[in-house]
Amino acid sequence: YRDTRSHIENIRNIRSDRDFANIVNTQFILPARGAGHF
């Protein structure tokens, strides 16, 4: 979470909400590998 937040704080541009969703999914959600149906 801290790393994902830092990334969003420092990123230069997010072109769409889908870009944001991809950032959160890639950096925060997918590393949990679906544990707890997450």
All heavy atoms as atom14 arrays in JSON, in Angstrom:
{
  "sequence": "YRDTRSHIENIRNIRSDRDFANIVNTQFILPARGAGHF",
  "atom14_mask": [
    [1, 1, 1, 1, 1, 1, 1, 1, 1, 1, 1, 1, 0, 0],
    [1, 1, 1, 1, 1, 1, 1, 1, 1, 1, 1, 0, 0, 0],
    [1, 1, 1, 1, 1, 1, 1, 1, 0, 0, 0, 0, 0, 0],
    [1, 1, 1, 1, 1, 1, 1, 0, 0, 0, 0, 0, 0, 0],
    [1, 1, 1, 1, 1, 1, 1, 1, 1, 1, 1, 0, 0, 0],
    [1, 1, 1, 1, 1, 1, 0, 0, 0, 0, 0, 0, 0, 0],
    [1, 1, 1, 1, 1, 1, 1, 1, 1, 1, 0, 0, 0, 0],
    [1, 1, 1, 1, 1, 1, 1, 1, 0, 0, 0, 0, 0, 0],
    [1, 1, 1, 1, 1, 1, 1, 1, 1, 0, 0, 0, 0, 0],
    [1, 1, 1, 1, 1, 1, 1, 1, 0, 0, 0, 0, 0, 0],
    [1, 1, 1, 1, 1, 1, 1, 1, 0, 0, 0, 0, 0, 0],
    [1, 1, 1, 1, 1, 1, 1, 1, 1, 1, 1, 0, 0, 0],
    [1, 1, 1, 1, 1, 1, 1, 1, 0, 0, 0, 0, 0, 0],
    [1, 1, 1, 1, 1, 1, 1, 1, 0, 0, 0, 0, 0, 0],
    [1, 1, 1, 1, 1, 1, 1, 1, 1, 1, 1, 0, 0, 0],
    [1, 1, 1, 1, 1, 1, 0, 0, 0, 0, 0, 0, 0, 0],
    [1, 1, 1, 1, 1, 1, 1, 1, 0, 0, 0, 0, 0, 0],
    [1, 1, 1, 1, 1, 1, 1, 1, 1, 1, 1, 0, 0, 0],
    [1, 1, 1, 1, 1, 1, 1, 1, 0, 0, 0, 0, 0, 0],
    [1, 1, 1, 1, 1, 1, 1, 1, 1, 1, 1, 0, 0, 0],
    [1, 1, 1, 1, 1, 0, 0, 0, 0, 0, 0, 0, 0, 0],
    [1, 1, 1, 1, 1, 1, 1, 1, 0, 0, 0, 0, 0, 0],
    [1, 1, 1, 1, 1, 1, 1, 1, 0, 0, 0, 0, 0, 0],
    [1, 1, 1, 1, 1, 1, 1, 0, 0, 0, 0, 0, 0, 0],
    [1, 1, 1, 1, 1, 1, 1, 1, 0, 0, 0, 0, 0, 0],
    [1, 1, 1, 1, 1, 1, 1, 0, 0, 0, 0, 0, 0, 0],
    [1, 1, 1, 1, 1, 1, 1, 1, 1, 0, 0, 0, 0, 0],
    [1, 1, 1, 1, 1, 1, 1, 1, 1, 1, 1, 0, 0, 0],
    [1, 1, 1, 1, 1, 1, 1, 1, 0, 0, 0, 0, 0, 0],
    [1, 1, 1, 1, 1, 1, 1, 1, 0, 0, 0, 0, 0, 0],
    [1, 1, 1, 1, 1, 1, 1, 0, 0, 0, 0, 0, 0, 0],
    [1, 1, 1, 1, 1, 0, 0, 0, 0, 0, 0, 0, 0, 0],
    [1, 1, 1, 1, 1, 1, 1, 1, 1, 1, 1, 0, 0, 0],
    [1, 1, 1, 1, 0, 0, 0, 0, 0, 0, 0, 0, 0, 0],
    [1, 1, 1, 1, 1, 0, 0, 0, 0, 0, 0, 0, 0, 0],
    [1, 1, 1, 1, 0, 0, 0, 0, 0, 0, 0, 0, 0, 0],
    [1, 1, 1, 1, 1, 1, 1, 1, 1, 1, 0, 0, 0, 0],
    [1, 1, 1, 1, 1, 1, 1, 1, 1, 1, 1, 0, 0, 0]
  ],
  "atom14_positions": [
    [[0.83, -1.2, 0.0], [0.0, 0.0, 0.0], [0.87, 1.26, 0.0], [0.63, 2.19, -0.77], [-0.92, -0.01, 1.22], [-1.43, 1.35, 1.6], [-2.37, 2.02, 0.82], [-0.95, 1.99, 2.74], [-2.82, 3.29, 1.15], [-1.39, 3.25, 3.09], [-2.33, 3.9, 2.29], [-2.76, 5.15, 2.63], [0.0, 0.0, 0.0], [0.0, 0.0, 0.0]],
    [[1.87, 1.29, 0.86], [2.74, 2.47, 0.92], [3.44, 2.7, -0.41], [3.54, 3.84, -0.89], [3.75, 2.32, 2.06], [3.14, 2.3, 3.44], [4.19, 2.46, 4.52], [5.13, 1.35, 4.56], [4.96, 0.27, 5.31], [3.88, 0.15, 6.07], [5.86, -0.69, 5.32], [0.0, 0.0, 0.0], [0.0, 0.0, 0.0], [0.0, 0.0, 0.0]],
    [[3.92, 1.61, -1.02], [4.63, 1.75, -2.3], [3.67, 2.21, -3.41], [4.04, 3.04, -4.25], [5.26, 0.41, -2.69], [6.42, 0.02, -1.78], [6.91, 0.9, -1.04], [6.81, -1.17, -1.8], [0.0, 0.0, 0.0], [0.0, 0.0, 0.0], [0.0, 0.0, 0.0], [0.0, 0.0, 0.0], [0.0, 0.0, 0.0], [0.0, 0.0, 0.0]],
    [[2.46, 1.66, -3.43], [1.48, 2.06, -4.45], [1.09, 3.52, -4.26], [0.96, 4.28, -5.23], [0.23, 1.17, -4.36], [0.61, -0.2, -4.46], [-0.74, 1.48, -5.49], [0.0, 0.0, 0.0], [0.0, 0.0, 0.0], [0.0, 0.0, 0.0], [0.0, 0.0, 0.0], [0.0, 0.0, 0.0], [0.0, 0.0, 0.0], [0.0, 0.0, 0.0]],
    [[0.94, 3.93, -3.02], [0.59, 5.32, -2.74], [1.71, 6.27, -3.17], [1.45, 7.33, -3.76], [0.31, 5.49, -1.25], [-0.47, 6.74, -0.93], [-0.88, 6.8, 0.52], [-2.0, 7.7, 0.69], [-1.91, 9.01, 0.67], [-0.74, 9.59, 0.49], [-2.99, 9.76, 0.81], [0.0, 0.0, 0.0], [0.0, 0.0, 0.0], [0.0, 0.0, 0.0]],
    [[2.93, 5.87, -2.89], [4.08, 6.69, -3.3], [4.13, 6.82, -4.82], [4.45, 7.89, -5.36], [5.36, 6.08, -2.77], [6.5, 6.8, -3.21], [0.0, 0.0, 0.0], [0.0, 0.0, 0.0], [0.0, 0.0, 0.0], [0.0, 0.0, 0.0], [0.0, 0.0, 0.0], [0.0, 0.0, 0.0], [0.0, 0.0, 0.0], [0.0, 0.0, 0.0]],
    [[3.82, 5.73, -5.51], [3.83, 5.75, -6.97], [2.8, 6.75, -7.5], [3.1, 7.55, -8.41], [3.53, 4.35, -7.51], [3.49, 4.27, -9.0], [4.63, 4.28, -9.78], [2.44, 4.19, -9.87], [4.29, 4.2, -11.07], [2.95, 4.14, -11.14], [0.0, 0.0, 0.0], [0.0, 0.0, 0.0], [0.0, 0.0, 0.0], [0.0, 0.0, 0.0]],
    [[1.6, 6.72, -6.95], [0.55, 7.64, -7.4], [0.91, 9.08, -7.02], [0.62, 10.02, -7.78], [-0.82, 7.23, -6.82], [-1.23, 5.86, -7.38], [-1.89, 8.26, -7.15], [-2.47, 5.29, -6.75], [0.0, 0.0, 0.0], [0.0, 0.0, 0.0], [0.0, 0.0, 0.0], [0.0, 0.0, 0.0], [0.0, 0.0, 0.0], [0.0, 0.0, 0.0]],
    [[1.54, 9.28, -5.89], [1.94, 10.62, -5.48], [2.97, 11.23, -6.42], [3.03, 12.45, -6.57], [2.51, 10.59, -4.06], [1.46, 10.49, -2.97], [2.08, 10.6, -1.58], [3.08, 9.91, -1.33], [1.57, 11.39, -0.77], [0.0, 0.0, 0.0], [0.0, 0.0, 0.0], [0.0, 0.0, 0.0], [0.0, 0.0, 0.0], [0.0, 0.0, 0.0]],
    [[3.76, 10.38, -7.06], [4.87, 10.88, -7.87], [4.69, 10.69, -9.37], [5.52, 11.18, -10.15], [6.18, 10.21, -7.43], [6.58, 10.58, -6.01], [7.02, 11.7, -5.76], [6.42, 9.65, -5.08], [0.0, 0.0, 0.0], [0.0, 0.0, 0.0], [0.0, 0.0, 0.0], [0.0, 0.0, 0.0], [0.0, 0.0, 0.0], [0.0, 0.0, 0.0]],
    [[3.66, 9.98, -9.78], [3.48, 9.74, -11.21], [3.13, 11.05, -11.92], [2.46, 11.92, -11.37], [2.38, 8.67, -11.44], [2.44, 8.14, -12.86], [1.0, 9.24, -11.13], [1.54, 6.93, -13.08], [0.0, 0.0, 0.0], [0.0, 0.0, 0.0], [0.0, 0.0, 0.0], [0.0, 0.0, 0.0], [0.0, 0.0, 0.0], [0.0, 0.0, 0.0]],
    [[3.59, 11.19, -13.16], [3.39, 12.44, -13.89], [2.0, 12.55, -14.48], [1.44, 13.63, -14.6], [4.44, 12.57, -15.01], [5.87, 12.69, -14.49], [6.85, 12.9, -15.62], [6.56, 14.15, -16.36], [7.25, 14.55, -17.43], [8.24, 13.8, -17.9], [6.95, 15.68, -18.02], [0.0, 0.0, 0.0], [0.0, 0.0, 0.0], [0.0, 0.0, 0.0]],
    [[1.43, 11.4, -14.9], [0.13, 11.49, -15.56], [-0.63, 10.17, -15.43], [-0.03, 9.08, -15.47], [0.3, 11.83, -17.04], [-1.03, 12.13, -17.73], [-1.96, 12.59, -17.08], [-1.11, 11.87, -19.01], [0.0, 0.0, 0.0], [0.0, 0.0, 0.0], [0.0, 0.0, 0.0], [0.0, 0.0, 0.0], [0.0, 0.0, 0.0], [0.0, 0.0, 0.0]],
    [[-1.93, 10.26, -15.22], [-2.83, 9.11, -15.3], [-3.9, 9.49, -16.33], [-4.65, 10.45, -16.13], [-3.48, 8.8, -13.94], [-2.4, 8.39, -12.93], [-4.5, 7.67, -14.09], [-2.94, 8.07, -11.55], [0.0, 0.0, 0.0], [0.0, 0.0, 0.0], [0.0, 0.0, 0.0], [0.0, 0.0, 0.0], [0.0, 0.0, 0.0], [0.0, 0.0, 0.0]],
    [[-3.94, 8.77, -17.42], [-4.76, 9.18, -18.56], [-6.23, 8.82, -18.4], [-7.08, 9.43, -19.04], [-4.21, 8.54, -19.83], [-2.81, 9.01, -20.23], [-2.21, 8.09, -21.26], [-2.04, 6.73, -20.73], [-1.58, 5.71, -21.44], [-1.27, 5.87, -22.71], [-1.46, 4.52, -20.88], [0.0, 0.0, 0.0], [0.0, 0.0, 0.0], [0.0, 0.0, 0.0]],
    [[-6.54, 7.83, -17.56], [-7.93, 7.41, -17.4], [-8.08, 6.67, -16.08], [-7.1, 6.27, -15.44], [-8.35, 6.49, -18.55], [-7.65, 5.26, -18.48], [0.0, 0.0, 0.0], [0.0, 0.0, 0.0], [0.0, 0.0, 0.0], [0.0, 0.0, 0.0], [0.0, 0.0, 0.0], [0.0, 0.0, 0.0], [0.0, 0.0, 0.0], [0.0, 0.0, 0.0]],
    [[-9.33, 6.48, -15.68], [-9.59, 5.69, -14.48], [-9.13, 4.25, -14.66], [-8.77, 3.57, -13.69], [-11.08, 5.73, -14.14], [-11.52, 7.09, -13.6], [-10.64, 7.92, -13.33], [-12.74, 7.31, -13.48], [0.0, 0.0, 0.0], [0.0, 0.0, 0.0], [0.0, 0.0, 0.0], [0.0, 0.0, 0.0], [0.0, 0.0, 0.0], [0.0, 0.0, 0.0]],
    [[-9.15, 3.77, -15.89], [-8.66, 2.42, -16.15], [-7.15, 2.33, -15.9], [-6.66, 1.29, -15.44], [-8.98, 1.99, -17.58], [-10.48, 1.75, -17.82], [-10.76, 1.22, -19.21], [-12.18, 0.99, -19.41], [-12.8, -0.13, -19.06], [-12.1, -1.13, -18.53], [-14.1, -0.26, -19.26], [0.0, 0.0, 0.0], [0.0, 0.0, 0.0], [0.0, 0.0, 0.0]],
    [[-6.42, 3.4, -16.2], [-5.0, 3.43, -15.87], [-4.8, 3.29, -14.37], [-3.93, 2.54, -13.9], [-4.36, 4.74, -16.35], [-4.02, 4.71, -17.83], [-4.23, 3.65, -18.47], [-3.56, 5.75, -18.35], [0.0, 0.0, 0.0], [0.0, 0.0, 0.0], [0.0, 0.0, 0.0], [0.0, 0.0, 0.0], [0.0, 0.0, 0.0], [0.0, 0.0, 0.0]],
    [[-5.6, 4.04, -13.61], [-5.52, 3.95, -12.15], [-5.84, 2.52, -11.69], [-5.16, 1.97, -10.83], [-6.49, 4.94, -11.52], [-6.74, 4.7, -10.06], [-5.79, 5.07, -9.11], [-7.92, 4.09, -9.62], [-6.02, 4.85, -7.75], [-8.14, 3.86, -8.27], [-7.19, 4.24, -7.34], [0.0, 0.0, 0.0], [0.0, 0.0, 0.0], [0.0, 0.0, 0.0]],
    [[-6.9, 1.93, -12.26], [-7.27, 0.57, -11.89], [-6.13, -0.4, -12.17], [-5.86, -1.3, -11.36], [-8.54, 0.14, -12.64], [0.0, 0.0, 0.0], [0.0, 0.0, 0.0], [0.0, 0.0, 0.0], [0.0, 0.0, 0.0], [0.0, 0.0, 0.0], [0.0, 0.0, 0.0], [0.0, 0.0, 0.0], [0.0, 0.0, 0.0], [0.0, 0.0, 0.0]],
    [[-5.45, -0.22, -13.29], [-4.33, -1.1, -13.63], [-3.18, -0.93, -12.64], [-2.51, -1.91, -12.27], [-3.84, -0.81, -15.05], [-4.79, -1.33, -16.1], [-5.52, -2.29, -15.88], [-4.8, -0.69, -17.27], [0.0, 0.0, 0.0], [0.0, 0.0, 0.0], [0.0, 0.0, 0.0], [0.0, 0.0, 0.0], [0.0, 0.0, 0.0], [0.0, 0.0, 0.0]],
    [[-2.93, 0.29, -12.21], [-1.87, 0.53, -11.22], [-2.19, -0.19, -9.91], [-1.35, -0.91, -9.35], [-1.69, 2.04, -10.97], [-1.12, 2.73, -12.2], [-0.79, 2.29, -9.77], [-1.11, 4.25, -12.12], [0.0, 0.0, 0.0], [0.0, 0.0, 0.0], [0.0, 0.0, 0.0], [0.0, 0.0, 0.0], [0.0, 0.0, 0.0], [0.0, 0.0, 0.0]],
    [[-3.4, 0.0, -9.42], [-3.8, -0.62, -8.16], [-3.8, -2.15, -8.29], [-3.33, -2.86, -7.39], [-5.19, -0.11, -7.73], [-5.69, -0.87, -6.5], [-5.14, 1.38, -7.44], [0.0, 0.0, 0.0], [0.0, 0.0, 0.0], [0.0, 0.0, 0.0], [0.0, 0.0, 0.0], [0.0, 0.0, 0.0], [0.0, 0.0, 0.0], [0.0, 0.0, 0.0]],
    [[-4.3, -2.65, -9.4], [-4.37, -4.09, -9.59], [-2.98, -4.71, -9.66], [-2.7, -5.72, -9.01], [-5.15, -4.41, -10.87], [-5.62, -5.85, -10.92], [-6.0, -6.44, -9.91], [-5.6, -6.43, -12.1], [0.0, 0.0, 0.0], [0.0, 0.0, 0.0], [0.0, 0.0, 0.0], [0.0, 0.0, 0.0], [0.0, 0.0, 0.0], [0.0, 0.0, 0.0]],
    [[-2.1, -4.08, -10.41], [-0.75, -4.64, -10.62], [0.11, -4.53, -9.37], [0.81, -5.48, -9.01], [-0.06, -3.91, -11.79], [-0.85, -4.06, -12.96], [1.32, -4.5, -12.04], [0.0, 0.0, 0.0], [0.0, 0.0, 0.0], [0.0, 0.0, 0.0], [0.0, 0.0, 0.0], [0.0, 0.0, 0.0], [0.0, 0.0, 0.0], [0.0, 0.0, 0.0]],
    [[0.05, -3.39, -8.71], [0.98, -3.14, -7.62], [0.46, -3.55, -6.24], [1.25, -3.84, -5.34], [1.37, -1.66, -7.6], [2.07, -1.2, -8.86], [2.77, 0.14, -8.69], [3.04, 0.57, -7.59], [3.05, 0.79, -9.8], [0.0, 0.0, 0.0], [0.0, 0.0, 0.0], [0.0, 0.0, 0.0], [0.0, 0.0, 0.0], [0.0, 0.0, 0.0]],
    [[-0.88, -3.58, -6.07], [-1.41, -3.83, -4.74], [-2.23, -5.12, -4.64], [-2.17, -5.81, -3.63], [-2.28, -2.64, -4.31], [-2.83, -2.76, -2.91], [-1.98, -2.76, -1.82], [-4.2, -2.85, -2.69], [-2.48, -2.87, -0.52], [-4.71, -2.95, -1.4], [-3.84, -2.96, -0.31], [0.0, 0.0, 0.0], [0.0, 0.0, 0.0], [0.0, 0.0, 0.0]],
    [[-2.97, -5.46, -5.68], [-3.89, -6.6, -5.59], [-3.27, -7.9, -6.07], [-3.3, -8.92, -5.37], [-5.19, -6.29, -6.37], [-5.92, -5.11, -5.72], [-6.1, -7.52, -6.41], [-7.18, -4.68, -6.45], [0.0, 0.0, 0.0], [0.0, 0.0, 0.0], [0.0, 0.0, 0.0], [0.0, 0.0, 0.0], [0.0, 0.0, 0.0], [0.0, 0.0, 0.0]],
    [[-2.69, -7.91, -7.27], [-2.18, -9.16, -7.84], [-1.09, -9.83, -7.01], [-1.02, -11.07, -6.99], [-1.68, -8.91, -9.27], [-2.77, -8.63, -10.32], [-2.14, -8.39, -11.68], [-3.77, -9.77, -10.38], [0.0, 0.0, 0.0], [0.0, 0.0, 0.0], [0.0, 0.0, 0.0], [0.0, 0.0, 0.0], [0.0, 0.0, 0.0], [0.0, 0.0, 0.0]],
    [[-0.21, -9.08, -6.31], [0.8, -9.78, -5.5], [0.22, -10.69, -4.43], [0.9, -11.62, -3.97], [1.6, -8.62, -4.87], [1.46, -7.51, -5.85], [0.06, -7.63, -6.37], [0.0, 0.0, 0.0], [0.0, 0.0, 0.0], [0.0, 0.0, 0.0], [0.0, 0.0, 0.0], [0.0, 0.0, 0.0], [0.0, 0.0, 0.0], [0.0, 0.0, 0.0]],
    [[-1.03, -10.47, -4.02], [-1.66, -11.35, -3.02], [-2.13, -12.66, -3.63], [-2.57, -13.56, -2.91], [-2.84, -10.63, -2.37], [0.0, 0.0, 0.0], [0.0, 0.0, 0.0], [0.0, 0.0, 0.0], [0.0, 0.0, 0.0], [0.0, 0.0, 0.0], [0.0, 0.0, 0.0], [0.0, 0.0, 0.0], [0.0, 0.0, 0.0], [0.0, 0.0, 0.0]],
    [[-2.09, -12.78, -4.96], [-2.38, -14.01, -5.69], [-3.77, -14.58, -5.38], [-3.96, -15.8, -5.3], [-1.32, -15.07, -5.43], [0.07, -14.68, -5.86], [1.06, -15.79, -5.6], [2.3, -15.3, -5.06], [3.25, -16.06, -4.54], [3.08, -17.37, -4.48], [4.36, -15.55, -4.06], [0.0, 0.0, 0.0], [0.0, 0.0, 0.0], [0.0, 0.0, 0.0]],
    [[-4.72, -13.71, -5.16], [-6.09, -14.15, -4.97], [-6.4, -14.72, -3.61], [-7.5, -15.24, -3.39], [0.0, 0.0, 0.0], [0.0, 0.0, 0.0], [0.0, 0.0, 0.0], [0.0, 0.0, 0.0], [0.0, 0.0, 0.0], [0.0, 0.0, 0.0], [0.0, 0.0, 0.0], [0.0, 0.0, 0.0], [0.0, 0.0, 0.0], [0.0, 0.0, 0.0]],
    [[-5.47, -14.63, -2.67], [-5.73, -15.14, -1.32], [-6.94, -14.43, -0.74], [-7.1, -13.23, -0.86], [-4.51, -14.93, -0.43], [0.0, 0.0, 0.0], [0.0, 0.0, 0.0], [0.0, 0.0, 0.0], [0.0, 0.0, 0.0], [0.0, 0.0, 0.0], [0.0, 0.0, 0.0], [0.0, 0.0, 0.0], [0.0, 0.0, 0.0], [0.0, 0.0, 0.0]],
    [[-7.8, -15.19, -0.09], [-9.0, -14.61, 0.48], [-9.94, -14.05, -0.57], [-10.69, -13.11, -0.29], [0.0, 0.0, 0.0], [0.0, 0.0, 0.0], [0.0, 0.0, 0.0], [0.0, 0.0, 0.0], [0.0, 0.0, 0.0], [0.0, 0.0, 0.0], [0.0, 0.0, 0.0], [0.0, 0.0, 0.0], [0.0, 0.0, 0.0], [0.0, 0.0, 0.0]],
    [[-9.92, -14.62, -1.78], [-10.76, -14.15, -2.89], [-10.54, -12.66, -3.17], [-11.44, -11.97, -3.65], [-12.24, -14.4, -2.6], [-12.66, -15.83, -2.79], [-12.39, -16.8, -1.87], [-13.35, -16.44, -3.79], [-12.88, -17.96, -2.28], [-13.46, -17.77, -3.45], [0.0, 0.0, 0.0], [0.0, 0.0, 0.0], [0.0, 0.0, 0.0], [0.0, 0.0, 0.0]],
    [[-9.36, -12.15, -2.89], [-9.06, -10.73, -3.09], [-8.67, -10.49, -4.54], [-7.62, -10.92, -4.99], [-7.92, -10.32, -2.15], [-7.5, -8.88, -2.27], [-8.44, -7.87, -2.39], [-6.16, -8.53, -2.22], [-8.05, -6.54, -2.48], [-5.77, -7.21, -2.3], [-6.71, -6.21, -2.44], [0.0, 0.0, 0.0], [0.0, 0.0, 0.0], [0.0, 0.0, 0.0]]
  ]
}
